[in-house]
């Protein structure tokens, strides 16, 4: 049975996303490769969003444990 592939860190995913975007923007990439890169980028974006959500939940749990009941709200003060 093959070993489970580790999920990249948030930073690794962002770095790969930046590389994909740069490659897609250069204008030299064939359409089939663009579609592949877009698919990979979409998966990486979903992973990043999940990792951010997990971090947000951990912060909220820590706030509750320390008696700070303020929920994380990214829409405030804009």
Protein backbone atom coordinates (compact mmCIF):
# COMPACT_ATOMS: atom_id res chain seq x y z
CA UNK A 1 0.00 0.00 0.00
CA UNK A 2 1.52 3.37 -1.00
CA UNK A 3 2.22 5.90 1.73
CA UNK A 4 -0.22 8.78 2.03
CA UNK A 5 1.17 11.89 0.37
CA UNK A 6 1.61 14.74 2.83
CA UNK A 7 -0.36 17.90 2.20
CA UNK A 8 1.92 20.87 1.49
CA UNK A 9 2.21 23.60 4.08
CA UNK A 10 0.27 26.81 3.59
CA UNK A 11 3.48 28.60 2.61
CA UNK A 12 4.41 25.90 0.08
CA UNK A 13 0.94 26.09 -1.46
CA UNK A 14 1.07 29.87 -1.77
CA UNK A 15 4.54 29.66 -3.33
CA UNK A 16 3.32 27.07 -5.87
CA UNK A 17 0.23 29.18 -6.62
CA UNK A 18 2.46 32.18 -7.33
CA UNK A 19 4.60 30.08 -9.66
CA UNK A 20 1.51 28.79 -11.48
CA UNK A 21 0.13 32.30 -11.92
CA UNK A 22 3.44 33.57 -13.24
CA UNK A 23 3.66 30.69 -15.73
CA UNK A 24 0.07 31.24 -16.86
CA UNK A 25 0.57 34.98 -17.29
CA UNK A 26 3.69 34.72 -19.45
CA UNK A 27 1.59 33.93 -22.52
CA UNK A 28 3.80 31.07 -23.75
CA UNK A 29 1.81 28.22 -22.20
CA UNK A 30 -0.27 26.00 -24.51
CA UNK A 31 -3.99 25.81 -23.75
CA UNK A 32 -3.90 22.20 -22.52
CA UNK A 33 -1.15 23.09 -20.05
CA UNK A 34 -3.05 26.19 -18.94
CA UNK A 35 -6.05 24.03 -18.12
CA UNK A 36 -3.82 21.65 -16.10
CA UNK A 37 -2.24 24.56 -14.23
CA UNK A 38 -5.66 26.06 -13.53
CA UNK A 39 -6.86 22.74 -12.10
CA UNK A 40 -3.77 22.43 -9.89
CA UNK A 41 -4.19 26.02 -8.75
CA UNK A 42 -7.83 25.44 -7.88
CA UNK A 43 -6.90 22.46 -5.70
CA UNK A 44 -4.14 24.43 -4.00
CA UNK A 45 -6.53 27.31 -3.36
CA UNK A 46 -9.00 24.94 -1.71
CA UNK A 47 -6.21 23.54 0.47
CA UNK A 48 -5.14 27.05 1.48
CA UNK A 49 -8.71 28.00 2.35
CA UNK A 50 -9.10 24.84 4.45
CA UNK A 51 -5.80 25.52 6.25
CA UNK A 52 -6.84 29.11 6.98
CA UNK A 53 -10.22 27.95 8.29
CA UNK A 54 -8.48 25.41 10.53
CA UNK A 55 -6.15 28.09 11.86
CA UNK A 56 -9.12 30.39 12.49
CA UNK A 57 -10.90 27.66 14.47
CA UNK A 58 -7.78 27.00 16.54
CA UNK A 59 -7.50 30.71 17.35
CA UNK A 60 -11.15 30.82 18.39
CA UNK A 61 -10.64 27.75 20.62
CA UNK A 62 -7.59 29.34 22.22
CA UNK A 63 -9.54 32.54 22.83
CA UNK A 64 -12.31 30.56 24.53
CA UNK A 65 -9.80 28.65 26.68
CA UNK A 66 -8.11 31.86 27.79
CA UNK A 67 -11.41 33.57 28.54
CA UNK A 68 -11.39 35.82 25.49
CA UNK A 69 -14.75 35.14 23.92
CA UNK A 70 -14.30 37.42 20.93
CA UNK A 71 -14.85 35.52 17.71
CA UNK A 72 -12.48 35.99 14.82
CA UNK A 73 -14.12 38.39 12.37
CA UNK A 74 -12.24 39.36 9.22
CA UNK A 75 -14.93 41.82 8.13
CA UNK A 76 -14.47 44.27 10.99
CA UNK A 77 -12.64 47.59 10.78
CA UNK A 78 -12.66 47.90 6.97
